């Protein structure tokens, strides 16, 4: 089996990034207090990082999902894509910021059942949309809607899929090292 390819472009800093990238990294530093390794890599293509950040912000502010529900969506997608960096980071965010119950976060991480039926329906529908490439069955969609979600939120899941595909795939290509702040929630893909 061939080894996975790894992009060898260097991680960028505020000092080394091109002007557009420098602005993106300065904003991240101001908002987060640090520059995640993922951003330092993605900024090698400023359009990639800018598109990610714009879509991420739109999902966070306009999706109609609560903060815990947003983490369910992001965690589910990242797990389906096998992104160890993003599952780890979103597990940390779920614990620290969104107040998602740890048993829900752990169920997604471990691929086990979520006991909260509404969050289980959200995770399952997100998984289905990801794995069926945007072609959920009528029954899949009816189960999602019956859990109290809306058709618009189907489109918001598509937005989250686009955002996480950008970050998950970039992390795969760079083999992005996990930031120390996320270390306590490190996750390894069992597959």
N, C-alpha and C. Protein backbone atom coordinates (compact mmCIF):
# COMPACT_ATOMS: atom_id res chain seq x y z
N UNK A 1 0.85 -1.18 0.00
CA UNK A 1 0.00 0.00 0.00
C UNK A 1 0.89 1.24 0.00
N UNK A 2 0.54 2.23 -0.80
CA UNK A 2 1.29 3.46 -0.87
C UNK A 2 1.03 4.33 0.36
N UNK A 3 2.06 5.02 0.81
CA UNK A 3 1.89 5.93 1.93
C UNK A 3 1.03 7.12 1.50
N UNK A 4 0.31 7.69 2.47
CA UNK A 4 -0.50 8.86 2.17
C UNK A 4 0.40 10.04 1.86
N UNK A 5 -0.01 10.82 0.90
CA UNK A 5 0.76 12.00 0.53
C UNK A 5 0.67 13.05 1.63
N UNK A 6 1.75 13.76 1.83
CA UNK A 6 1.76 14.86 2.79
C UNK A 6 2.27 16.11 2.10
N UNK A 7 1.45 17.16 2.17
CA UNK A 7 1.88 18.45 1.64
C UNK A 7 3.04 18.95 2.49
N UNK A 8 4.06 19.47 1.82
CA UNK A 8 5.27 19.90 2.54
C UNK A 8 5.40 21.42 2.64
N UNK A 9 4.38 22.16 2.24
CA UNK A 9 4.42 23.61 2.42
C UNK A 9 4.56 23.91 3.91
N UNK A 10 5.37 24.90 4.27
CA UNK A 10 5.57 25.18 5.69
C UNK A 10 4.36 25.85 6.33
N UNK A 11 4.15 25.55 7.60
CA UNK A 11 3.12 26.26 8.36
C UNK A 11 3.50 27.73 8.38
N UNK A 12 2.50 28.58 8.18
CA UNK A 12 2.75 30.02 8.11
C UNK A 12 2.47 30.69 9.46
N UNK A 13 3.10 31.82 9.66
CA UNK A 13 2.88 32.65 10.84
C UNK A 13 2.43 34.03 10.37
N UNK A 14 2.10 34.87 11.29
CA UNK A 14 1.75 36.25 10.94
C UNK A 14 2.91 36.90 10.21
N UNK A 15 4.11 36.57 10.60
CA UNK A 15 5.30 37.18 10.00
C UNK A 15 5.60 36.63 8.60
N UNK A 16 5.24 35.38 8.32
CA UNK A 16 5.63 34.78 7.04
C UNK A 16 4.50 34.71 6.02
N UNK A 17 3.27 34.87 6.45
CA UNK A 17 2.13 34.75 5.53
C UNK A 17 2.07 35.94 4.57
N UNK A 18 1.53 35.69 3.39
CA UNK A 18 1.32 36.79 2.45
C UNK A 18 0.27 37.74 3.03
N UNK A 19 0.16 38.96 2.51
CA UNK A 19 -0.70 39.97 3.14
C UNK A 19 -2.13 39.53 3.47
N UNK A 20 -2.81 38.90 2.53
CA UNK A 20 -4.19 38.45 2.81
C UNK A 20 -4.18 37.40 3.93
N UNK A 21 -3.24 36.49 3.88
CA UNK A 21 -3.13 35.46 4.91
C UNK A 21 -2.76 36.05 6.25
N UNK A 22 -1.90 37.05 6.24
CA UNK A 22 -1.49 37.71 7.49
C UNK A 22 -2.70 38.27 8.21
N UNK A 23 -3.59 38.91 7.46
CA UNK A 23 -4.80 39.48 8.05
C UNK A 23 -5.67 38.38 8.66
N UNK A 24 -5.82 37.27 7.96
CA UNK A 24 -6.62 36.15 8.48
C UNK A 24 -6.02 35.61 9.78
N UNK A 25 -4.71 35.46 9.81
CA UNK A 25 -4.05 34.94 11.01
C UNK A 25 -4.11 35.94 12.17
N UNK A 26 -3.99 37.22 11.86
CA UNK A 26 -4.11 38.23 12.92
C UNK A 26 -5.51 38.20 13.54
N UNK A 27 -6.51 38.03 12.70
CA UNK A 27 -7.89 37.95 13.20
C UNK A 27 -8.07 36.71 14.07
N UNK A 28 -7.52 35.58 13.64
CA UNK A 28 -7.60 34.36 14.44
C UNK A 28 -6.91 34.56 15.78
N UNK A 29 -5.73 35.15 15.77
CA UNK A 29 -4.99 35.41 17.01
C UNK A 29 -5.82 36.28 17.96
N UNK A 30 -6.45 37.33 17.41
CA UNK A 30 -7.25 38.23 18.23
C UNK A 30 -8.50 37.54 18.78
N UNK A 31 -9.14 36.70 17.97
CA UNK A 31 -10.38 36.04 18.37
C UNK A 31 -10.17 34.83 19.28
N UNK A 32 -9.11 34.07 19.04
CA UNK A 32 -8.91 32.81 19.75
C UNK A 32 -7.81 32.87 20.81
N UNK A 33 -6.94 33.84 20.68
CA UNK A 33 -5.81 33.93 21.60
C UNK A 33 -4.62 33.11 21.14
N UNK A 34 -4.76 32.39 20.04
CA UNK A 34 -3.68 31.61 19.43
C UNK A 34 -4.06 31.33 17.99
N UNK A 35 -3.11 30.86 17.23
CA UNK A 35 -3.38 30.48 15.84
C UNK A 35 -3.32 28.95 15.76
N UNK A 36 -4.47 28.31 15.55
CA UNK A 36 -4.47 26.85 15.45
C UNK A 36 -3.56 26.36 14.32
N UNK A 37 -2.93 25.22 14.55
CA UNK A 37 -2.06 24.62 13.53
C UNK A 37 -2.78 24.46 12.20
N UNK A 38 -4.05 24.14 12.26
CA UNK A 38 -4.84 23.98 11.04
C UNK A 38 -4.83 25.27 10.22
N UNK A 39 -5.02 26.41 10.87
CA UNK A 39 -5.03 27.69 10.16
C UNK A 39 -3.65 27.99 9.58
N UNK A 40 -2.60 27.68 10.34
CA UNK A 40 -1.23 27.93 9.87
C UNK A 40 -0.93 27.17 8.59
N UNK A 41 -1.54 26.02 8.44
CA UNK A 41 -1.37 25.24 7.21
C UNK A 41 -2.30 25.72 6.11
N UNK A 42 -3.58 25.88 6.43
CA UNK A 42 -4.57 26.25 5.42
C UNK A 42 -4.25 27.60 4.78
N UNK A 43 -3.60 28.51 5.53
CA UNK A 43 -3.34 29.85 5.02
C UNK A 43 -2.33 29.86 3.87
N UNK A 44 -1.69 28.71 3.62
CA UNK A 44 -0.87 28.62 2.41
C UNK A 44 -1.70 28.89 1.17
N UNK A 45 -3.00 28.66 1.26
CA UNK A 45 -3.96 29.08 0.25
C UNK A 45 -4.92 30.03 0.96
N UNK A 46 -4.65 31.34 0.95
CA UNK A 46 -5.51 32.26 1.68
C UNK A 46 -6.99 32.12 1.34
N UNK A 47 -7.30 31.80 0.08
CA UNK A 47 -8.70 31.59 -0.30
C UNK A 47 -9.31 30.40 0.42
N UNK A 48 -8.53 29.36 0.62
CA UNK A 48 -9.01 28.18 1.35
C UNK A 48 -9.37 28.55 2.78
N UNK A 49 -8.44 29.21 3.48
CA UNK A 49 -8.72 29.58 4.86
C UNK A 49 -9.85 30.59 4.95
N UNK A 50 -9.88 31.56 4.05
CA UNK A 50 -10.94 32.56 4.08
C UNK A 50 -12.31 31.91 3.84
N UNK A 51 -12.38 31.01 2.88
CA UNK A 51 -13.64 30.32 2.60
C UNK A 51 -14.08 29.49 3.80
N UNK A 52 -13.13 28.78 4.40
CA UNK A 52 -13.43 28.00 5.60
C UNK A 52 -13.98 28.91 6.71
N UNK A 53 -13.27 29.98 7.02
CA UNK A 53 -13.67 30.86 8.12
C UNK A 53 -15.02 31.52 7.85
N UNK A 54 -15.27 31.91 6.61
CA UNK A 54 -16.55 32.54 6.27
C UNK A 54 -17.70 31.55 6.42
N UNK A 55 -17.53 30.35 5.90
CA UNK A 55 -18.57 29.32 6.02
C UNK A 55 -18.78 28.89 7.46
N UNK A 56 -17.69 28.76 8.20
CA UNK A 56 -17.76 28.38 9.61
C UNK A 56 -18.56 29.42 10.39
N UNK A 57 -18.25 30.69 10.18
CA UNK A 57 -18.96 31.76 10.88
C UNK A 57 -20.44 31.78 10.50
N UNK A 58 -20.75 31.57 9.23
CA UNK A 58 -22.15 31.55 8.79
C UNK A 58 -22.90 30.41 9.46
N UNK A 59 -22.29 29.24 9.53
CA UNK A 59 -22.94 28.10 10.18
C UNK A 59 -23.16 28.40 11.66
N UNK A 60 -22.16 28.96 12.31
CA UNK A 60 -22.26 29.25 13.74
C UNK A 60 -23.34 30.29 14.04
N UNK A 61 -23.53 31.27 13.17
CA UNK A 61 -24.46 32.36 13.48
C UNK A 61 -25.84 32.21 12.85
N UNK A 62 -25.95 31.50 11.72
CA UNK A 62 -27.20 31.52 10.97
C UNK A 62 -27.87 30.16 10.75
N UNK A 63 -27.34 29.10 11.32
CA UNK A 63 -27.85 27.76 10.98
C UNK A 63 -29.17 27.40 11.64
N UNK A 64 -29.53 28.09 12.72
CA UNK A 64 -30.73 27.71 13.44
C UNK A 64 -30.49 26.55 14.39
N UNK A 65 -29.28 26.03 14.42
CA UNK A 65 -28.92 24.98 15.37
C UNK A 65 -28.34 25.61 16.63
N UNK A 66 -28.63 25.03 17.78
CA UNK A 66 -28.03 25.50 19.03
C UNK A 66 -26.54 25.15 19.02
N UNK A 67 -25.79 25.73 19.94
CA UNK A 67 -24.34 25.44 20.03
C UNK A 67 -24.08 23.95 20.21
N UNK A 68 -24.78 23.24 21.10
CA UNK A 68 -24.55 21.80 21.19
C UNK A 68 -24.89 21.06 19.89
N UNK A 69 -25.97 21.45 19.23
CA UNK A 69 -26.34 20.81 17.96
C UNK A 69 -25.27 21.07 16.89
N UNK A 70 -24.71 22.26 16.87
CA UNK A 70 -23.64 22.57 15.92
C UNK A 70 -22.46 21.62 16.12
N UNK A 71 -22.11 21.38 17.37
CA UNK A 71 -21.00 20.46 17.64
C UNK A 71 -21.33 19.04 17.22
N UNK A 72 -22.58 18.63 17.40
CA UNK A 72 -23.00 17.29 16.93
C UNK A 72 -22.76 17.19 15.43
N UNK A 73 -23.16 18.21 14.69
CA UNK A 73 -22.98 18.19 13.24
C UNK A 73 -21.49 18.14 12.89
N UNK A 74 -20.70 19.06 13.45
CA UNK A 74 -19.27 19.10 13.13
C UNK A 74 -18.55 17.83 13.55
N UNK A 75 -18.86 17.31 14.73
CA UNK A 75 -18.23 16.07 15.20
C UNK A 75 -18.59 14.89 14.30
N UNK A 76 -19.86 14.80 13.94
CA UNK A 76 -20.31 13.68 13.10
C UNK A 76 -19.60 13.70 11.75
N UNK A 77 -19.55 14.87 11.12
CA UNK A 77 -18.88 14.98 9.82
C UNK A 77 -17.41 14.64 9.95
N UNK A 78 -16.76 15.22 10.94
CA UNK A 78 -15.32 14.99 11.12
C UNK A 78 -15.01 13.53 11.40
N UNK A 79 -15.88 12.87 12.17
CA UNK A 79 -15.68 11.43 12.42
C UNK A 79 -15.87 10.64 11.14
N UNK A 80 -16.91 10.97 10.39
CA UNK A 80 -17.15 10.26 9.13
C UNK A 80 -15.98 10.43 8.17
N UNK A 81 -15.35 11.61 8.20
CA UNK A 81 -14.19 11.87 7.34
C UNK A 81 -12.88 11.37 7.96
N UNK A 82 -12.94 10.85 9.17
CA UNK A 82 -11.74 10.33 9.82
C UNK A 82 -10.71 11.40 10.16
N UNK A 83 -11.16 12.61 10.44
CA UNK A 83 -10.23 13.71 10.74
C UNK A 83 -9.93 13.75 12.23
N UNK A 84 -8.78 13.22 12.57
CA UNK A 84 -8.39 13.16 13.98
C UNK A 84 -8.23 14.55 14.58
N UNK A 85 -7.70 15.49 13.82
CA UNK A 85 -7.53 16.85 14.31
C UNK A 85 -8.89 17.47 14.66
N UNK A 86 -9.84 17.43 13.73
CA UNK A 86 -11.12 18.10 13.94
C UNK A 86 -12.00 17.40 14.97
N UNK A 87 -11.97 16.08 15.04
CA UNK A 87 -12.73 15.40 16.10
C UNK A 87 -12.16 15.81 17.45
N UNK A 88 -10.86 15.86 17.57
CA UNK A 88 -10.23 16.26 18.83
C UNK A 88 -10.60 17.70 19.18
N UNK A 89 -10.44 18.61 18.23
CA UNK A 89 -10.72 20.03 18.48
C UNK A 89 -12.20 20.25 18.81
N UNK A 90 -13.10 19.63 18.06
CA UNK A 90 -14.52 19.83 18.33
C UNK A 90 -14.97 19.12 19.60
N UNK A 91 -14.29 18.08 20.01
CA UNK A 91 -14.58 17.47 21.30
C UNK A 91 -14.25 18.46 22.42
N UNK A 92 -13.11 19.12 22.29
CA UNK A 92 -12.71 20.13 23.26
C UNK A 92 -13.73 21.27 23.28
N UNK A 93 -14.09 21.77 22.09
CA UNK A 93 -15.07 22.86 22.01
C UNK A 93 -16.42 22.44 22.57
N UNK A 94 -16.82 21.21 22.30
CA UNK A 94 -18.09 20.71 22.82
C UNK A 94 -18.09 20.73 24.34
N UNK A 95 -16.97 20.34 24.93
CA UNK A 95 -16.86 20.32 26.39
C UNK A 95 -16.80 21.72 26.98
N UNK A 96 -16.01 22.58 26.37
CA UNK A 96 -15.68 23.86 26.98
C UNK A 96 -16.63 25.00 26.61
N UNK A 97 -17.14 25.00 25.40
CA UNK A 97 -17.92 26.15 24.95
C UNK A 97 -19.39 25.85 24.72
N UNK A 98 -19.69 24.74 24.09
CA UNK A 98 -21.09 24.51 23.71
C UNK A 98 -21.88 23.79 24.80
N UNK A 99 -21.20 23.23 25.76
CA UNK A 99 -21.85 22.50 26.85
C UNK A 99 -22.64 21.29 26.35
N UNK A 100 -22.14 20.67 25.29
CA UNK A 100 -22.72 19.40 24.85
C UNK A 100 -22.39 18.36 25.90
N UNK A 101 -23.35 17.56 26.26
CA UNK A 101 -23.14 16.52 27.28
C UNK A 101 -21.99 15.61 26.84
N UNK A 102 -21.02 15.36 27.73
CA UNK A 102 -19.88 14.51 27.37
C UNK A 102 -20.27 13.14 26.84
N UNK A 103 -21.39 12.60 27.32
CA UNK A 103 -21.80 11.27 26.83
C UNK A 103 -22.22 11.33 25.37
N UNK A 104 -22.71 12.49 24.90
CA UNK A 104 -23.06 12.64 23.49
C UNK A 104 -21.78 12.76 22.66
N UNK A 105 -20.87 13.61 23.13
CA UNK A 105 -19.59 13.75 22.43
C UNK A 105 -18.89 12.40 22.33
N UNK A 106 -18.84 11.68 23.43
CA UNK A 106 -18.15 10.39 23.44
C UNK A 106 -18.85 9.36 22.56
N UNK A 107 -20.18 9.40 22.52
CA UNK A 107 -20.91 8.47 21.65
C UNK A 107 -20.55 8.72 20.18
N UNK A 108 -20.47 9.97 19.79
CA UNK A 108 -20.10 10.28 18.40
C UNK A 108 -18.67 9.83 18.15
N UNK A 109 -17.76 10.15 19.05
CA UNK A 109 -16.36 9.77 18.91
C UNK A 109 -16.20 8.25 18.79
N UNK A 110 -17.00 7.52 19.58
CA UNK A 110 -16.88 6.06 19.64
C UNK A 110 -17.77 5.32 18.65
N UNK A 111 -18.63 6.05 17.95
CA UNK A 111 -19.53 5.40 17.01
C UNK A 111 -20.61 4.58 17.68
N UNK A 112 -21.03 5.03 18.87
CA UNK A 112 -22.06 4.31 19.62
C UNK A 112 -23.34 5.15 19.65
N UNK A 113 -24.40 4.57 20.16
CA UNK A 113 -25.71 5.22 20.16
C UNK A 113 -25.73 6.44 21.08
N UNK A 114 -26.41 7.49 20.61
CA UNK A 114 -26.66 8.69 21.40
C UNK A 114 -28.02 8.52 22.06
N UNK A 115 -28.09 8.69 23.37
CA UNK A 115 -29.35 8.45 24.07
C UNK A 115 -30.37 9.57 23.90
N UNK A 116 -29.92 10.80 23.67
CA UNK A 116 -30.82 11.92 23.42
C UNK A 116 -31.39 11.73 22.01
N UNK A 117 -32.70 11.49 21.91
CA UNK A 117 -33.28 11.11 20.62
C UNK A 117 -33.20 12.22 19.58
N UNK A 118 -33.33 13.47 19.99
CA UNK A 118 -33.25 14.58 19.02
C UNK A 118 -31.82 14.72 18.48
N UNK A 119 -30.84 14.67 19.37
CA UNK A 119 -29.45 14.76 18.92
C UNK A 119 -29.05 13.52 18.12
N UNK A 120 -29.61 12.36 18.49
CA UNK A 120 -29.34 11.13 17.72
C UNK A 120 -29.86 11.28 16.30
N UNK A 121 -31.05 11.86 16.14
CA UNK A 121 -31.63 12.07 14.81
C UNK A 121 -30.77 13.04 14.00
N UNK A 122 -30.26 14.08 14.65
CA UNK A 122 -29.40 15.05 13.98
C UNK A 122 -28.10 14.41 13.52
N UNK A 123 -27.47 13.66 14.40
CA UNK A 123 -26.21 13.01 14.04
C UNK A 123 -26.42 11.99 12.93
N UNK A 124 -27.47 11.19 13.04
CA UNK A 124 -27.73 10.17 12.03
C UNK A 124 -28.02 10.79 10.66
N UNK A 125 -28.82 11.86 10.64
CA UNK A 125 -29.13 12.49 9.36
C UNK A 125 -27.88 13.12 8.76
N UNK A 126 -27.06 13.74 9.59
CA UNK A 126 -25.81 14.33 9.12
C UNK A 126 -24.93 13.24 8.52
N UNK A 127 -24.84 12.11 9.21
CA UNK A 127 -24.04 10.98 8.72
C UNK A 127 -24.58 10.48 7.38
N UNK A 128 -25.88 10.36 7.28
CA UNK A 128 -26.51 9.87 6.05
C UNK A 128 -26.25 10.84 4.89
N UNK A 129 -26.44 12.13 5.12
CA UNK A 129 -26.22 13.10 4.06
C UNK A 129 -24.75 13.06 3.60
N UNK A 130 -23.83 12.92 4.55
CA UNK A 130 -22.41 12.84 4.20
C UNK A 130 -22.12 11.58 3.39
N UNK A 131 -22.58 10.45 3.88
CA UNK A 131 -22.25 9.18 3.23
C UNK A 131 -23.01 8.93 1.93
N UNK A 132 -24.19 9.51 1.81
CA UNK A 132 -24.97 9.35 0.58
C UNK A 132 -24.77 10.53 -0.37
N UNK A 133 -23.77 11.35 -0.07
CA UNK A 133 -23.38 12.48 -0.93
C UNK A 133 -24.55 13.38 -1.28
N UNK A 134 -25.31 13.74 -0.24
CA UNK A 134 -26.42 14.67 -0.44
C UNK A 134 -27.68 14.05 -0.99
N UNK A 135 -27.78 12.74 -0.90
CA UNK A 135 -28.97 12.06 -1.43
C UNK A 135 -29.66 11.22 -0.36
N UNK A 136 -30.15 11.87 0.72
CA UNK A 136 -30.85 11.09 1.74
C UNK A 136 -32.16 10.55 1.18
N UNK A 137 -32.59 9.44 1.72
CA UNK A 137 -33.88 8.89 1.29
C UNK A 137 -35.01 9.72 1.89
N UNK A 138 -36.20 9.48 1.38
CA UNK A 138 -37.37 10.14 1.93
C UNK A 138 -37.54 9.76 3.40
N UNK A 139 -37.33 8.49 3.73
CA UNK A 139 -37.47 8.04 5.12
C UNK A 139 -36.43 8.70 6.02
N UNK A 140 -35.19 8.82 5.53
CA UNK A 140 -34.14 9.51 6.31
C UNK A 140 -34.56 10.94 6.62
N UNK A 141 -35.06 11.61 5.60
CA UNK A 141 -35.45 13.01 5.74
C UNK A 141 -36.66 13.17 6.64
N UNK A 142 -37.63 12.29 6.50
CA UNK A 142 -38.82 12.36 7.35
C UNK A 142 -38.46 12.15 8.82
N UNK A 143 -37.51 11.26 9.11
CA UNK A 143 -37.08 11.04 10.49
C UNK A 143 -36.41 12.30 11.05
N UNK A 144 -35.62 12.96 10.24
CA UNK A 144 -34.96 14.21 10.66
C UNK A 144 -36.00 15.29 10.94
N UNK A 145 -36.94 15.45 10.03
CA UNK A 145 -37.98 16.46 10.20
C UNK A 145 -38.89 16.14 11.38
N UNK A 146 -39.18 14.87 11.59
CA UNK A 146 -40.02 14.45 12.71
C UNK A 146 -39.36 14.74 14.06
N UNK A 147 -38.03 14.84 14.07
CA UNK A 147 -37.31 15.16 15.31
C UNK A 147 -37.38 16.65 15.64
N UNK A 148 -38.02 17.43 14.76
CA UNK A 148 -38.21 18.84 15.04
C UNK A 148 -37.30 19.77 14.27
N UNK A 149 -36.58 19.24 13.31
CA UNK A 149 -35.70 20.07 12.49
C UNK A 149 -36.45 20.51 11.23
N UNK A 150 -35.87 21.46 10.51
CA UNK A 150 -36.54 22.04 9.35
C UNK A 150 -35.80 21.69 8.05
N UNK A 151 -36.49 21.90 6.94
CA UNK A 151 -35.85 21.70 5.64
C UNK A 151 -34.68 22.66 5.45
N UNK A 152 -34.81 23.88 5.95
CA UNK A 152 -33.68 24.82 5.84
C UNK A 152 -32.45 24.24 6.53
N UNK A 153 -32.65 23.56 7.64
CA UNK A 153 -31.50 23.00 8.36
C UNK A 153 -30.83 21.87 7.59
N UNK A 154 -31.54 21.28 6.65
CA UNK A 154 -30.88 20.33 5.74
C UNK A 154 -29.80 21.07 4.95
N UNK A 155 -30.14 22.25 4.47
CA UNK A 155 -29.16 23.06 3.74
C UNK A 155 -28.02 23.52 4.64
N UNK A 156 -28.32 23.78 5.90
CA UNK A 156 -27.27 24.18 6.84
C UNK A 156 -26.30 23.01 7.08
N UNK A 157 -26.81 21.79 7.05
CA UNK A 157 -25.93 20.62 7.15
C UNK A 157 -25.03 20.56 5.92
N UNK A 158 -25.57 20.90 4.76
CA UNK A 158 -24.73 20.95 3.55
C UNK A 158 -23.62 21.99 3.72
N UNK A 159 -23.94 23.14 4.29
CA UNK A 159 -22.92 24.14 4.57
C UNK A 159 -21.86 23.58 5.51
N UNK A 160 -22.28 22.92 6.58
CA UNK A 160 -21.33 22.33 7.53
C UNK A 160 -20.46 21.26 6.85
N UNK A 161 -21.07 20.48 5.95
CA UNK A 161 -20.30 19.49 5.20
C UNK A 161 -19.23 20.16 4.35
N UNK A 162 -19.58 21.26 3.71
CA UNK A 162 -18.60 21.98 2.89
C UNK A 162 -17.46 22.50 3.75
N UNK A 163 -17.80 23.12 4.85
CA UNK A 163 -16.79 23.69 5.76
C UNK A 163 -15.88 22.59 6.31
N UNK A 164 -16.47 21.51 6.79
CA UNK A 164 -15.65 20.45 7.38
C UNK A 164 -14.86 19.69 6.32
N UNK A 165 -15.38 19.60 5.11
CA UNK A 165 -14.60 18.97 4.05
C UNK A 165 -13.33 19.78 3.79
N UNK A 166 -13.46 21.10 3.77
CA UNK A 166 -12.28 21.95 3.59
C UNK A 166 -11.24 21.67 4.68
N UNK A 167 -11.67 21.71 5.94
CA UNK A 167 -10.71 21.54 7.03
C UNK A 167 -10.25 20.09 7.16
N UNK A 168 -11.18 19.15 7.07
CA UNK A 168 -10.80 17.74 7.22
C UNK A 168 -9.80 17.31 6.16
N UNK A 169 -10.06 17.67 4.91
CA UNK A 169 -9.16 17.26 3.84
C UNK A 169 -7.82 17.97 3.94
N UNK A 170 -7.83 19.26 4.28
CA UNK A 170 -6.56 19.98 4.45
C UNK A 170 -5.75 19.34 5.58
N UNK A 171 -6.41 18.98 6.67
CA UNK A 171 -5.70 18.33 7.78
C UNK A 171 -5.13 16.98 7.37
N UNK A 172 -5.88 16.23 6.57
CA UNK A 172 -5.35 14.96 6.06
C UNK A 172 -4.10 15.20 5.23
N UNK A 173 -4.18 16.17 4.33
CA UNK A 173 -3.06 16.42 3.41
C UNK A 173 -1.82 16.94 4.12
N UNK A 174 -2.02 17.73 5.17
CA UNK A 174 -0.89 18.28 5.92
C UNK A 174 -0.44 17.38 7.06
N UNK A 175 -1.27 16.39 7.43
CA UNK A 175 -1.01 15.59 8.64
C UNK A 175 -0.83 16.56 9.82
N UNK A 176 -1.79 17.46 9.95
CA UNK A 176 -1.71 18.56 10.91
C UNK A 176 -1.53 18.04 12.34
N UNK A 177 -0.47 18.51 13.01
CA UNK A 177 -0.29 18.11 14.41
C UNK A 177 -1.34 18.79 15.29
N UNK A 178 -1.79 18.08 16.29
CA UNK A 178 -2.80 18.59 17.20
C UNK A 178 -2.20 19.68 18.09
N UNK A 179 -2.94 20.75 18.26
CA UNK A 179 -2.50 21.82 19.15
C UNK A 179 -2.55 21.32 20.60
N UNK A 180 -1.61 21.74 21.44
CA UNK A 180 -1.61 21.30 22.84
C UNK A 180 -2.92 21.57 23.57
N UNK A 181 -3.62 22.65 23.24
CA UNK A 181 -4.86 22.98 23.94
C UNK A 181 -5.93 21.89 23.75
N UNK A 182 -5.86 21.15 22.64
CA UNK A 182 -6.85 20.11 22.36
C UNK A 182 -6.41 18.71 22.81
N UNK A 183 -5.21 18.60 23.32
CA UNK A 183 -4.59 17.31 23.61
C UNK A 183 -5.43 16.41 24.53
N UNK A 184 -6.06 16.99 25.53
CA UNK A 184 -6.83 16.17 26.48
C UNK A 184 -8.01 15.46 25.82
N UNK A 185 -8.41 15.92 24.62
CA UNK A 185 -9.51 15.27 23.90
C UNK A 185 -9.04 14.65 22.60
N UNK A 186 -7.75 14.28 22.54
CA UNK A 186 -7.19 13.63 21.36
C UNK A 186 -8.04 12.42 20.99
N UNK A 187 -8.27 12.27 19.69
CA UNK A 187 -9.04 11.14 19.17
C UNK A 187 -8.25 10.51 18.05
N UNK A 188 -8.26 9.20 18.00
CA UNK A 188 -7.62 8.45 16.92
C UNK A 188 -8.69 7.70 16.16
N UNK A 189 -8.63 7.78 14.85
CA UNK A 189 -9.59 7.10 13.99
C UNK A 189 -9.42 5.59 14.14
N UNK A 190 -10.46 4.89 14.60
CA UNK A 190 -10.33 3.44 14.78
C UNK A 190 -10.25 2.66 13.48
N UNK A 191 -10.62 3.29 12.37
CA UNK A 191 -10.57 2.56 11.10
C UNK A 191 -9.23 2.78 10.50
